[in-house]
Amino acid sequence: MIRWLAVIFIALMIFAALLPWLEKLGVGRVPGDVHLRLFGRVVSLPFGSALLWYFVTLIVAKLL
């Protein structure tokens, strides 16, 4: 359980670091993505993009 929590935390840290670059590819602009402004910072919650990437990964995995 702790291992999975660590993997998810590391993946979120990598995703957060790559988000400005990924926004150029369209991540964060899908309907369902939430952008909040808190204390002068913009917080992005890409729920729609995460679902889209999940389905793309699922289809690729099924084809392989």
Protein backbone atom coordinates (compact mmCIF):
# COMPACT_ATOMS: atom_id res chain seq x y z
CA MET A 1 0.00 0.00 0.00
CA ILE A 2 2.79 2.42 0.92
CA ARG A 3 4.62 1.54 -2.29
CA TRP A 4 1.61 2.46 -4.44
CA LEU A 5 1.15 5.70 -2.54
CA ALA A 6 4.79 6.58 -3.19
CA VAL A 7 4.44 5.75 -6.90
CA ILE A 8 1.33 7.92 -7.22
CA PHE A 9 3.03 10.78 -5.37
CA ILE A 10 6.11 10.63 -7.61
CA ALA A 11 3.93 10.44 -10.74
CA LEU A 12 1.96 13.51 -9.64
CA MET A 13 5.18 15.42 -8.95
CA ILE A 14 6.50 14.58 -12.44
CA PHE A 15 3.15 15.48 -14.00
CA ALA A 16 3.06 18.81 -12.17
CA ALA A 17 6.59 19.63 -13.34
CA LEU A 18 5.74 18.75 -16.96
CA LEU A 19 2.32 20.45 -17.00
CA PRO A 20 3.50 23.74 -18.60
CA TRP A 21 5.07 21.75 -21.45
CA LEU A 22 2.08 19.40 -21.72
CA GLU A 23 -0.33 22.35 -22.00
CA LYS A 24 1.20 23.03 -25.42
CA LEU A 25 -0.02 19.55 -26.45
CA GLY A 26 -3.57 20.24 -25.25
CA VAL A 27 -3.47 18.78 -21.76
CA GLY A 28 -5.46 21.03 -19.46
CA ARG A 29 -7.77 22.41 -22.12
CA VAL A 30 -10.22 19.50 -22.31
CA PRO A 31 -13.75 20.00 -20.95
CA GLY A 32 -13.70 18.75 -17.37
CA ASP A 33 -10.34 20.30 -16.51
CA VAL A 34 -10.50 22.71 -13.59
CA HIS A 35 -8.31 25.78 -13.10
CA LEU A 36 -8.40 27.54 -9.74
CA ARG A 37 -6.69 30.73 -8.63
CA LEU A 38 -5.65 30.42 -4.99
CA PHE A 39 -3.52 33.03 -3.24
CA GLY A 40 -2.18 34.35 -6.55
CA ARG A 41 -1.25 30.93 -7.93
CA VAL A 42 -3.08 28.98 -10.59
CA VAL A 43 -3.83 25.39 -9.62
CA SER A 44 -4.77 23.04 -12.46
CA LEU A 45 -6.79 19.88 -11.88
CA PRO A 46 -6.85 18.08 -15.25
CA PHE A 47 -9.65 15.58 -14.61
CA GLY A 48 -10.79 15.47 -18.25
CA SER A 49 -7.26 15.13 -19.58
CA ALA A 50 -6.53 12.32 -17.13
CA LEU A 51 -9.58 10.40 -18.37
CA LEU A 52 -8.58 11.00 -21.96
CA TRP A 53 -5.01 9.72 -21.36
CA TYR A 54 -6.43 6.74 -19.47
CA PHE A 55 -8.63 5.71 -22.39
CA VAL A 56 -5.82 6.19 -24.91
CA THR A 57 -3.51 4.04 -22.78
CA LEU A 58 -6.24 1.42 -22.36
CA ILE A 59 -6.82 1.18 -26.12
CA VAL A 60 -3.09 0.90 -26.83
CA ALA A 61 -2.73 -1.80 -24.17
CA LYS A 62 -5.65 -3.75 -25.63
CA LEU A 63 -4.14 -3.57 -29.12
CA LEU A 64 -0.77 -4.87 -27.89
